[in-house]
Amino acid sequence: MGFAAFKVYDNTRSCQEMTRIIVDKQQIEQLSKNRLKRLAELLSLGLYEGYSELVAQQQKLQDAQLFFRRQAQRYTACFAVVLGAILLMYFAMTRREFVVILSLSALIALVSGLVTPVMTMSIHKEVEHLGDIVFTMESKGVLDTIMKLFETNDHVVGGTLLLFSIVLPLSKTFSLLFLAIFVDNRWAHKAVHLLQVLGKWSMADVFVVATFLVYLSSGKGDMSRAEIQMGLYLFLAYVILSMLASLSAEQMTKEQLAKDQNSQPFYPSASSG
């Protein structure tokens, strides 16, 4: 699962790099030069092939971009298959082992979802005689966006995203892992208490995804484009795994409490005998 998540991240970043190079070639200055090269090639009756070479280079870049995008999609599908296999382990292991596996898987999905781009935003305009001009393109992920918000002194939004997308999810995941490993220890009751507190924010992860997407797509108009990237699916995988781990941990705790009560020795009172 970790390998698939890394390949999703790697190929998504490579796709974004190809996209950035393509966008750089769609700036108004570059498109103007391309038109001049095309005109020179037409006037030279084929003796000058600068425009044809440029078209071939652009096609190679587009092919590379498509390759990395498809690779990212394939590894995302592999990630989903492994996720399904992990969920099927419910029938082949104890509830305690299942909570450990789910917690570790949720941690992998969370870290991958935070560093992998979630959305690509671009601003463009169709100009007569030049074509589609791209003014700017930016690939945004959760972690990148939080850092940028703090850099631009937007501390309220940045702090909210930091709290609900990193601090609380990590606290919840490590608490689940601690509870599953040390469920027989009395110190595990502290993890239970922490989970009860974090349980009040169980839907905050979904809220963060919705708020994050609305924030990124704000101001969207005829000149804007927004494209969902694989990081969103990784973060959603964390939400699913975290919810299932919480439910399983709750059942595990109830079973452990019932087991402890049944194992307590019975001491008859002095008057009974």
C-alpha atoms as a PDB file:
ATOM      1  CA  MET A   1       0.000   0.000   0.000  1.00  0.00           C
ATOM      2  CA  GLY A   2       2.866   2.351   0.809  1.00  0.00           C
ATOM      3  CA  PHE A   3       4.560   1.521  -2.495  1.00  0.00           C
ATOM      4  CA  ALA A   4       1.365   2.216  -4.455  1.00  0.00           C
ATOM      5  CA  ALA A   5       0.873   5.509  -2.594  1.00  0.00           C
ATOM      6  CA  PHE A   6       4.465   6.567  -3.347  1.00  0.00           C
ATOM      7  CA  LYS A   7       4.050   5.765  -7.056  1.00  0.00           C
ATOM      8  CA  VAL A   8       0.825   7.781  -7.135  1.00  0.00           C
ATOM      9  CA  TYR A   9       2.677  10.716  -5.603  1.00  0.00           C
ATOM     10  CA  ASP A  10       5.699  10.347  -7.905  1.00  0.00           C
ATOM     11  CA  ASN A  11       3.706  10.054 -11.131  1.00  0.00           C
ATOM     12  CA  THR A  12       1.317  12.854 -10.151  1.00  0.00           C
ATOM     13  CA  ARG A  13       4.260  15.174  -9.507  1.00  0.00           C
ATOM     14  CA  SER A  14       5.843  14.160 -12.827  1.00  0.00           C
ATOM     15  CA  CYS A  15       2.563  14.825 -14.612  1.00  0.00           C
ATOM     16  CA  GLN A  16       2.393  18.247 -12.983  1.00  0.00           C
ATOM     17  CA  GLU A  17       5.938  19.008 -14.134  1.00  0.00           C
ATOM     18  CA  MET A  18       5.041  18.102 -17.725  1.00  0.00           C
ATOM     19  CA  THR A  19       1.933  20.255 -17.433  1.00  0.00           C
ATOM     20  CA  ARG A  20       4.032  23.181 -16.185  1.00  0.00           C
ATOM     21  CA  ILE A  21       6.380  22.897 -19.176  1.00  0.00           C
ATOM     22  CA  ILE A  22       3.437  22.757 -21.577  1.00  0.00           C
ATOM     23  CA  VAL A  23       1.851  25.782 -19.916  1.00  0.00           C
ATOM     24  CA  ASP A  24       5.116  27.732 -20.212  1.00  0.00           C
ATOM     25  CA  LYS A  25       4.943  27.172 -23.948  1.00  0.00           C
ATOM     26  CA  GLN A  26       1.409  28.595 -24.021  1.00  0.00           C
ATOM     27  CA  GLN A  27       2.371  32.033 -22.746  1.00  0.00           C
ATOM     28  CA  ILE A  28       1.498  34.924 -25.034  1.00  0.00           C
ATOM     29  CA  GLU A  29       5.149  35.648 -25.910  1.00  0.00           C
ATOM     30  CA  GLN A  30       5.845  32.037 -26.853  1.00  0.00           C
ATOM     31  CA  LEU A  31       2.636  31.724 -28.888  1.00  0.00           C
ATOM     32  CA  SER A  32       3.566  34.874 -30.800  1.00  0.00           C
ATOM     33  CA  LYS A  33       6.944  33.347 -31.685  1.00  0.00           C
ATOM     34  CA  ASN A  34       5.205  30.150 -32.762  1.00  0.00           C
ATOM     35  CA  ARG A  35       2.986  32.090 -35.152  1.00  0.00           C
ATOM     36  CA  LEU A  36       6.064  33.750 -36.667  1.00  0.00           C
ATOM     37  CA  LYS A  37       7.758  30.365 -37.074  1.00  0.00           C
ATOM     38  CA  ARG A  38       4.684  28.988 -38.779  1.00  0.00           C
ATOM     39  CA  LEU A  39       4.575  31.952 -41.131  1.00  0.00           C
ATOM     40  CA  ALA A  40       8.291  31.577 -41.895  1.00  0.00           C
ATOM     41  CA  GLU A  41       7.818  27.892 -42.653  1.00  0.00           C
ATOM     42  CA  LEU A  42       4.958  28.633 -45.042  1.00  0.00           C
ATOM     43  CA  LEU A  43       6.892  31.386 -46.843  1.00  0.00           C
ATOM     44  CA  SER A  44      10.023  29.236 -47.148  1.00  0.00           C
ATOM     45  CA  LEU A  45       8.016  26.512 -48.937  1.00  0.00           C
ATOM     46  CA  GLY A  46       9.263  23.840 -46.541  1.00  0.00           C
ATOM     47  CA  LEU A  47      12.934  24.852 -46.435  1.00  0.00           C
ATOM     48  CA  TYR A  48      12.536  26.057 -42.852  1.00  0.00           C
ATOM     49  CA  GLU A  49      11.039  23.461 -40.502  1.00  0.00           C
ATOM     50  CA  GLY A  50      11.225  25.255 -37.170  1.00  0.00           C
ATOM     51  CA  TYR A  51       7.471  25.167 -36.626  1.00  0.00           C
ATOM     52  CA  SER A  52       7.181  21.455 -37.470  1.00  0.00           C
ATOM     53  CA  GLU A  53       9.949  20.640 -34.980  1.00  0.00           C
ATOM     54  CA  LEU A  54       8.147  22.719 -32.368  1.00  0.00           C
ATOM     55  CA  VAL A  55       4.910  20.828 -32.956  1.00  0.00           C
ATOM     56  CA  ALA A  56       6.765  17.515 -32.610  1.00  0.00           C
ATOM     57  CA  GLN A  57       8.294  18.631 -29.300  1.00  0.00           C
ATOM     58  CA  GLN A  58       4.907  19.684 -27.978  1.00  0.00           C
ATOM     59  CA  GLN A  59       3.459  16.329 -28.962  1.00  0.00           C
ATOM     60  CA  LYS A  60       6.202  14.527 -27.036  1.00  0.00           C
ATOM     61  CA  LEU A  61       5.463  16.633 -23.972  1.00  0.00           C
ATOM     62  CA  GLN A  62       1.758  15.873 -24.231  1.00  0.00           C
ATOM     63  CA  ASP A  63       2.495  12.161 -24.631  1.00  0.00           C
ATOM     64  CA  ALA A  64       4.706  12.234 -21.526  1.00  0.00           C
ATOM     65  CA  GLN A  65       2.022  14.111 -19.606  1.00  0.00           C
ATOM     66  CA  LEU A  66      -0.591  11.531 -20.607  1.00  0.00           C
ATOM     67  CA  PHE A  67       1.763   8.675 -19.681  1.00  0.00           C
ATOM     68  CA  PHE A  68       2.374   9.965 -16.151  1.00  0.00           C
ATOM     69  CA  ARG A  69      -1.325  10.718 -15.688  1.00  0.00           C
ATOM     70  CA  ARG A  70      -2.298   7.193 -16.666  1.00  0.00           C
ATOM     71  CA  GLN A  71       0.421   5.757 -14.434  1.00  0.00           C
ATOM     72  CA  ALA A  72      -0.922   7.779 -11.503  1.00  0.00           C
ATOM     73  CA  GLN A  73      -4.419   6.491 -12.230  1.00  0.00           C
ATOM     74  CA  ARG A  74      -3.183   2.887 -12.468  1.00  0.00           C
ATOM     75  CA  TYR A  75      -1.364   3.061  -9.148  1.00  0.00           C
ATOM     76  CA  THR A  76      -4.409   4.719  -7.589  1.00  0.00           C
ATOM     77  CA  ALA A  77      -6.417   1.717  -8.764  1.00  0.00           C
ATOM     78  CA  CYS A  78      -3.750  -0.579  -7.240  1.00  0.00           C
ATOM     79  CA  PHE A  79      -4.039   1.403  -4.011  1.00  0.00           C
ATOM     80  CA  ALA A  80      -7.794   0.811  -4.041  1.00  0.00           C
ATOM     81  CA  VAL A  81      -7.321  -2.930  -4.649  1.00  0.00           C
ATOM     82  CA  VAL A  82      -4.904  -3.201  -1.716  1.00  0.00           C
ATOM     83  CA  LEU A  83      -7.373  -1.212   0.374  1.00  0.00           C
ATOM     84  CA  GLY A  84     -10.095  -3.715  -0.496  1.00  0.00           C
ATOM     85  CA  ALA A  85      -7.811  -6.608   0.421  1.00  0.00           C
ATOM     86  CA  ILE A  86      -7.085  -4.976   3.780  1.00  0.00           C
ATOM     87  CA  LEU A  87     -10.798  -4.651   4.499  1.00  0.00           C
ATOM     88  CA  LEU A  88     -11.263  -8.343   3.698  1.00  0.00           C
ATOM     89  CA  MET A  89      -8.723  -9.161   6.410  1.00  0.00           C
ATOM     90  CA  TYR A  90     -11.550  -8.491   8.859  1.00  0.00           C
ATOM     91  CA  PHE A  91     -12.620 -12.113   8.365  1.00  0.00           C
ATOM     92  CA  ALA A  92      -9.108 -13.560   8.804  1.00  0.00           C
ATOM     93  CA  MET A  93      -7.722 -11.873  11.934  1.00  0.00           C
ATOM     94  CA  THR A  94      -8.672 -10.759  15.399  1.00  0.00           C
ATOM     95  CA  ARG A  95     -10.322  -7.393  15.918  1.00  0.00           C
ATOM     96  CA  ARG A  96      -7.186  -6.110  17.647  1.00  0.00           C
ATOM     97  CA  GLU A  97      -4.978  -7.027  14.694  1.00  0.00           C
ATOM     98  CA  PHE A  98      -7.521  -5.522  12.335  1.00  0.00           C
ATOM     99  CA  VAL A  99      -7.462  -2.181  14.171  1.00  0.00           C
ATOM    100  CA  VAL A 100      -3.644  -2.122  13.992  1.00  0.00           C
ATOM    101  CA  ILE A 101      -3.692  -2.800  10.243  1.00  0.00           C
ATOM    102  CA  LEU A 102      -6.398  -0.189   9.640  1.00  0.00           C
ATOM    103  CA  SER A 103      -4.547   2.417  11.716  1.00  0.00           C
ATOM    104  CA  LEU A 104      -1.276   1.895   9.857  1.00  0.00           C
ATOM    105  CA  SER A 105      -3.095   1.972   6.516  1.00  0.00           C
ATOM    106  CA  ALA A 106      -4.910   5.168   7.525  1.00  0.00           C
ATOM    107  CA  LEU A 107      -1.559   6.745   8.440  1.00  0.00           C
ATOM    108  CA  ILE A 108      -0.116   5.878   5.019  1.00  0.00           C
ATOM    109  CA  ALA A 109      -3.204   7.237   3.241  1.00  0.00           C
ATOM    110  CA  LEU A 110      -3.164  10.431   5.337  1.00  0.00           C
ATOM    111  CA  VAL A 111       0.510  11.265   4.719  1.00  0.00           C
ATOM    112  CA  SER A 112       0.174  10.449   1.014  1.00  0.00           C
ATOM    113  CA  GLY A 113      -2.987  12.522   0.700  1.00  0.00           C
ATOM    114  CA  LEU A 114      -1.319  15.507   2.354  1.00  0.00           C
ATOM    115  CA  VAL A 115       1.742  15.636   0.074  1.00  0.00           C
ATOM    116  CA  THR A 116       0.120  14.592  -3.226  1.00  0.00           C
ATOM    117  CA  PRO A 117      -1.518  17.344  -5.319  1.00  0.00           C
ATOM    118  CA  VAL A 118      -5.286  17.520  -4.843  1.00  0.00           C
ATOM    119  CA  MET A 119      -6.244  19.981  -7.560  1.00  0.00           C
ATOM    120  CA  THR A 120      -4.722  21.844 -10.493  1.00  0.00           C
ATOM    121  CA  MET A 121      -5.928  25.384 -11.135  1.00  0.00           C
ATOM    122  CA  SER A 122      -5.217  27.354 -14.306  1.00  0.00           C
ATOM    123  CA  ILE A 123      -6.277  30.710 -15.737  1.00  0.00           C
ATOM    124  CA  HIS A 124      -6.543  30.917 -19.504  1.00  0.00           C
ATOM    125  CA  LYS A 125      -8.171  32.888 -22.290  1.00  0.00           C
ATOM    126  CA  GLU A 126      -8.852  32.195 -25.947  1.00  0.00           C
ATOM    127  CA  VAL A 127      -7.225  34.957 -28.033  1.00  0.00           C
ATOM    128  CA  GLU A 128      -7.936  35.377 -31.716  1.00  0.00           C
ATOM    129  CA  HIS A 129      -5.031  34.441 -34.011  1.00  0.00           C
ATOM    130  CA  LEU A 130      -2.978  33.141 -31.067  1.00  0.00           C
ATOM    131  CA  GLY A 131      -5.159  30.416 -29.586  1.00  0.00           C
ATOM    132  CA  ASP A 132      -5.572  29.390 -25.963  1.00  0.00           C
ATOM    133  CA  ILE A 133      -3.245  31.466 -23.769  1.00  0.00           C
ATOM    134  CA  VAL A 134      -2.527  30.175 -20.254  1.00  0.00           C
ATOM    135  CA  PHE A 135      -1.689  33.010 -17.881  1.00  0.00           C
ATOM    136  CA  THR A 136      -0.919  30.897 -14.829  1.00  0.00           C
ATOM    137  CA  MET A 137      -1.107  27.315 -13.608  1.00  0.00           C
ATOM    138  CA  GLU A 138      -0.745  26.076 -10.058  1.00  0.00           C
ATOM    139  CA  SER A 139      -0.887  22.593  -8.592  1.00  0.00           C
ATOM    140  CA  LYS A 140      -2.280  22.595  -5.062  1.00  0.00           C
ATOM    141  CA  GLY A 141      -2.063  20.014  -2.314  1.00  0.00           C
ATOM    142  CA  VAL A 142      -3.204  20.171   1.289  1.00  0.00           C
ATOM    143  CA  LEU A 143       0.255  20.627   2.790  1.00  0.00           C
ATOM    144  CA  ASP A 144       1.409  23.041   0.077  1.00  0.00           C
ATOM    145  CA  THR A 145      -1.716  25.141   0.509  1.00  0.00           C
ATOM    146  CA  ILE A 146      -1.330  25.346   4.291  1.00  0.00           C
ATOM    147  CA  MET A 147       2.277  26.536   3.924  1.00  0.00           C
ATOM    148  CA  LYS A 148       1.261  29.104   1.327  1.00  0.00           C
ATOM    149  CA  LEU A 149      -1.580  30.396   3.507  1.00  0.00           C
ATOM    150  CA  PHE A 150       0.806  31.021   6.376  1.00  0.00           C
ATOM    151  CA  GLU A 151       3.281  32.694   4.009  1.00  0.00           C
ATOM    152  CA  THR A 152       0.538  35.090   2.867  1.00  0.00           C
ATOM    153  CA  ASN A 153      -0.479  35.778   6.513  1.00  0.00           C
ATOM    154  CA  ASP A 154      -3.875  34.093   6.087  1.00  0.00           C
ATOM    155  CA  HIS A 155      -3.519  32.468   9.493  1.00  0.00           C
ATOM    156  CA  VAL A 156      -7.216  31.778  10.138  1.00  0.00           C
ATOM    157  CA  VAL A 157      -7.791  29.566   7.114  1.00  0.00           C
ATOM    158  CA  GLY A 158      -4.296  28.084   7.340  1.00  0.00           C
ATOM    159  CA  GLY A 159      -4.675  27.291  11.025  1.00  0.00           C
ATOM    160  CA  THR A 160      -8.097  25.714  10.463  1.00  0.00           C
ATOM    161  CA  LEU A 161      -6.774  23.459   7.729  1.00  0.00           C
ATOM    162  CA  LEU A 162      -3.696  22.625   9.807  1.00  0.00           C
ATOM    163  CA  LEU A 163      -5.836  21.640  12.792  1.00  0.00           C
ATOM    164  CA  PHE A 164      -8.463  19.577  10.992  1.00  0.00           C
ATOM    165  CA  SER A 165      -6.360  18.050   8.235  1.00  0.00           C
ATOM    166  CA  ILE A 166      -3.101  17.288  10.095  1.00  0.00           C
ATOM    167  CA  VAL A 167      -3.187  17.698  13.876  1.00  0.00           C
ATOM    168  CA  LEU A 168      -6.511  16.006  14.679  1.00  0.00           C
ATOM    169  CA  PRO A 169      -6.184  13.204  12.086  1.00  0.00           C
ATOM    170  CA  LEU A 170      -2.669  12.327  13.274  1.00  0.00           C
ATOM    171  CA  SER A 171      -3.766  12.417  16.931  1.00  0.00           C
ATOM    172  CA  LYS A 172      -6.716  10.196  16.164  1.00  0.00           C
ATOM    173  CA  THR A 173      -4.668   7.700  14.144  1.00  0.00           C
ATOM    174  CA  PHE A 174      -1.887   7.370  16.728  1.00  0.00           C
ATOM    175  CA  SER A 175      -4.469   7.037  19.507  1.00  0.00           C
ATOM    176  CA  LEU A 176      -6.135   4.175  17.656  1.00  0.00           C
ATOM    177  CA  LEU A 177      -2.779   2.506  17.123  1.00  0.00           C
ATOM    178  CA  PHE A 178      -1.806   2.946  20.788  1.00  0.00           C
ATOM    179  CA  LEU A 179      -5.153   1.582  21.961  1.00  0.00           C
ATOM    180  CA  ALA A 180      -4.909  -1.488  19.725  1.00  0.00           C
ATOM    181  CA  ILE A 181      -1.346  -2.318  20.822  1.00  0.00           C
ATOM    182  CA  PHE A 182      -1.811  -1.687  24.550  1.00  0.00           C
ATOM    183  CA  VAL A 183      -5.484  -2.571  24.948  1.00  0.00           C
ATOM    184  CA  ASP A 184      -4.587  -4.907  27.865  1.00  0.00           C
ATOM    185  CA  ASN A 185      -2.745  -2.129  29.704  1.00  0.00           C
ATOM    186  CA  ARG A 186      -4.497   0.271  32.047  1.00  0.00           C
ATOM    187  CA  TRP A 187      -2.766   3.182  30.293  1.00  0.00           C
ATOM    188  CA  ALA A 188      -4.908   2.421  27.258  1.00  0.00           C
ATOM    189  CA  HIS A 189      -7.862   4.006  29.041  1.00  0.00           C
ATOM    190  CA  LYS A 190      -6.270   7.402  28.368  1.00  0.00           C
ATOM    191  CA  ALA A 191      -6.342   6.632  24.648  1.00  0.00           C
ATOM    192  CA  VAL A 192     -10.015   5.675  24.994  1.00  0.00           C
ATOM    193  CA  HIS A 193     -10.739   9.037  26.615  1.00  0.00           C
ATOM    194  CA  LEU A 194      -8.837  10.869  23.862  1.00  0.00           C
ATOM    195  CA  LEU A 195     -10.759   8.966  21.191  1.00  0.00           C
ATOM    196  CA  GLN A 196     -14.027   9.927  22.839  1.00  0.00           C
ATOM    197  CA  VAL A 197     -12.992  13.572  22.620  1.00  0.00           C
ATOM    198  CA  LEU A 198     -11.820  13.228  19.018  1.00  0.00           C
ATOM    199  CA  GLY A 199     -14.993  11.312  18.180  1.00  0.00           C
ATOM    200  CA  LYS A 200     -16.904  14.567  18.471  1.00  0.00           C
ATOM    201  CA  TRP A 201     -14.936  15.700  15.443  1.00  0.00           C
ATOM    202  CA  SER A 202     -15.423  12.470  13.473  1.00  0.00           C
ATOM    203  CA  MET A 203     -16.944  14.279  10.484  1.00  0.00           C
ATOM    204  CA  ALA A 204     -14.355  17.056  10.497  1.00  0.00           C
ATOM    205  CA  ASP A 205     -12.233  15.172   7.951  1.00  0.00           C
ATOM    206  CA  VAL A 206     -15.057  15.182   5.431  1.00  0.00           C
ATOM    207  CA  PHE A 207     -15.760  18.820   6.239  1.00  0.00           C
ATOM    208  CA  VAL A 208     -12.116  19.671   5.560  1.00  0.00           C
ATOM    209  CA  VAL A 209     -12.209  18.025   2.129  1.00  0.00           C
ATOM    210  CA  ALA A 210     -15.380  19.911   1.191  1.00  0.00           C
ATOM    211  CA  THR A 211     -14.103  23.239   2.543  1.00  0.00           C
ATOM    212  CA  PHE A 212     -10.714  22.743   0.911  1.00  0.00           C
ATOM    213  CA  LEU A 213     -12.241  22.125  -2.522  1.00  0.00           C
ATOM    214  CA  VAL A 214     -14.578  25.103  -2.188  1.00  0.00           C
ATOM    215  CA  TYR A 215     -11.647  27.282  -1.132  1.00  0.00           C
ATOM    216  CA  LEU A 216      -9.502  26.181  -4.069  1.00  0.00           C
ATOM    217  CA  SER A 217     -12.263  26.592  -6.622  1.00  0.00           C
ATOM    218  CA  SER A 218     -13.440  29.979  -5.314  1.00  0.00           C
ATOM    219  CA  GLY A 219     -13.542  32.608  -7.995  1.00  0.00           C
ATOM    220  CA  LYS A 220     -13.949  30.020 -10.713  1.00  0.00           C
ATOM    221  CA  GLY A 221     -15.232  31.563 -13.920  1.00  0.00           C
ATOM    222  CA  ASP A 222     -14.970  31.389 -17.675  1.00  0.00           C
ATOM    223  CA  MET A 223     -11.210  31.985 -17.487  1.00  0.00           C
ATOM    224  CA  SER A 224     -10.513  29.320 -14.861  1.00  0.00           C
ATOM    225  CA  ARG A 225     -10.045  25.578 -15.013  1.00  0.00           C
ATOM    226  CA  ALA A 226      -9.966  23.159 -12.105  1.00  0.00           C
ATOM    227  CA  GLU A 227      -8.882  19.530 -12.380  1.00  0.00           C
ATOM    228  CA  ILE A 228      -9.058  16.997  -9.564  1.00  0.00           C
ATOM    229  CA  GLN A 229      -5.798  15.130  -8.873  1.00  0.00           C
ATOM    230  CA  MET A 230      -5.075  11.796  -7.189  1.00  0.00           C
ATOM    231  CA  GLY A 231      -4.290  13.315  -3.796  1.00  0.00           C
ATOM    232  CA  LEU A 232      -8.004  13.809  -3.171  1.00  0.00           C
ATOM    233  CA  TYR A 233      -8.687  10.079  -3.478  1.00  0.00           C
ATOM    234  CA  LEU A 234      -5.828   9.254  -1.108  1.00  0.00           C
ATOM    235  CA  PHE A 235      -7.206  11.659   1.488  1.00  0.00           C
ATOM    236  CA  LEU A 236     -10.703  10.208   1.069  1.00  0.00           C
ATOM    237  CA  ALA A 237      -9.204   6.743   1.585  1.00  0.00           C
ATOM    238  CA  TYR A 238      -7.860   7.974   4.918  1.00  0.00           C
ATOM    239  CA  VAL A 239     -11.333   9.193   5.915  1.00  0.00           C
ATOM    240  CA  ILE A 240     -12.831   5.765   5.172  1.00  0.00           C
ATOM    241  CA  LEU A 241     -10.053   3.862   6.947  1.00  0.00           C
ATOM    242  CA  SER A 242     -10.201   6.168   9.959  1.00  0.00           C
ATOM    243  CA  MET A 243     -13.955   5.702  10.358  1.00  0.00           C
ATOM    244  CA  LEU A 244     -13.701   1.920  10.077  1.00  0.00           C
ATOM    245  CA  ALA A 245     -10.780   1.835  12.519  1.00  0.00           C
ATOM    246  CA  SER A 246     -12.767   3.899  15.030  1.00  0.00           C
ATOM    247  CA  LEU A 247     -15.769   1.582  14.798  1.00  0.00           C
ATOM    248  CA  SER A 248     -13.578  -1.512  15.173  1.00  0.00           C
ATOM    249  CA  ALA A 249     -11.697   0.037  18.113  1.00  0.00           C
ATOM    250  CA  GLU A 250     -14.981   0.788  19.842  1.00  0.00           C
ATOM    251  CA  GLN A 251     -16.093  -2.833  19.509  1.00  0.00           C
ATOM    252  CA  MET A 252     -12.648  -4.026  20.613  1.00  0.00           C
ATOM    253  CA  THR A 253     -12.833  -1.878  23.742  1.00  0.00           C
ATOM    254  CA  LYS A 254     -16.274  -3.203  24.653  1.00  0.00           C
ATOM    255  CA  GLU A 255     -15.089  -6.790  24.198  1.00  0.00           C
ATOM    256  CA  GLN A 256     -12.004  -6.126  26.350  1.00  0.00           C
ATOM    257  CA  LEU A 257     -14.102  -4.550  29.135  1.00  0.00           C
ATOM    258  CA  ALA A 258     -16.485  -7.502  29.112  1.00  0.00           C
ATOM    259  CA  LYS A 259     -13.520  -9.888  29.208  1.00  0.00           C
ATOM    260  CA  ASP A 260     -11.993  -8.043  32.176  1.00  0.00           C
ATOM    261  CA  GLN A 261     -15.257  -8.145  34.099  1.00  0.00           C
ATOM    262  CA  ASN A 262     -15.685 -11.874  33.490  1.00  0.00           C
ATOM    263  CA  SER A 263     -12.116 -12.597  34.574  1.00  0.00           C
ATOM    264  CA  GLN A 264     -12.473 -10.866  37.956  1.00  0.00           C
ATOM    265  CA  PRO A 265     -12.533 -13.403  40.843  1.00  0.00           C
ATOM    266  CA  PHE A 266     -15.660 -13.744  42.958  1.00  0.00           C
ATOM    267  CA  TYR A 267     -15.252 -13.359  46.705  1.00  0.00           C
ATOM    268  CA  PRO A 268     -18.285 -14.483  48.750  1.00  0.00           C
ATOM    269  CA  SER A 269     -19.348 -12.257  51.623  1.00  0.00           C
ATOM    270  CA  ALA A 270     -18.743 -13.256  55.240  1.00  0.00           C
ATOM    271  CA  SER A 271     -22.457 -13.727  55.907  1.00  0.00           C
ATOM    272  CA  SER A 272     -22.950 -16.189  53.125  1.00  0.00           C
ATOM    273  CA  GLY A 273     -21.775 -19.402  54.518  1.00  0.00           C
END
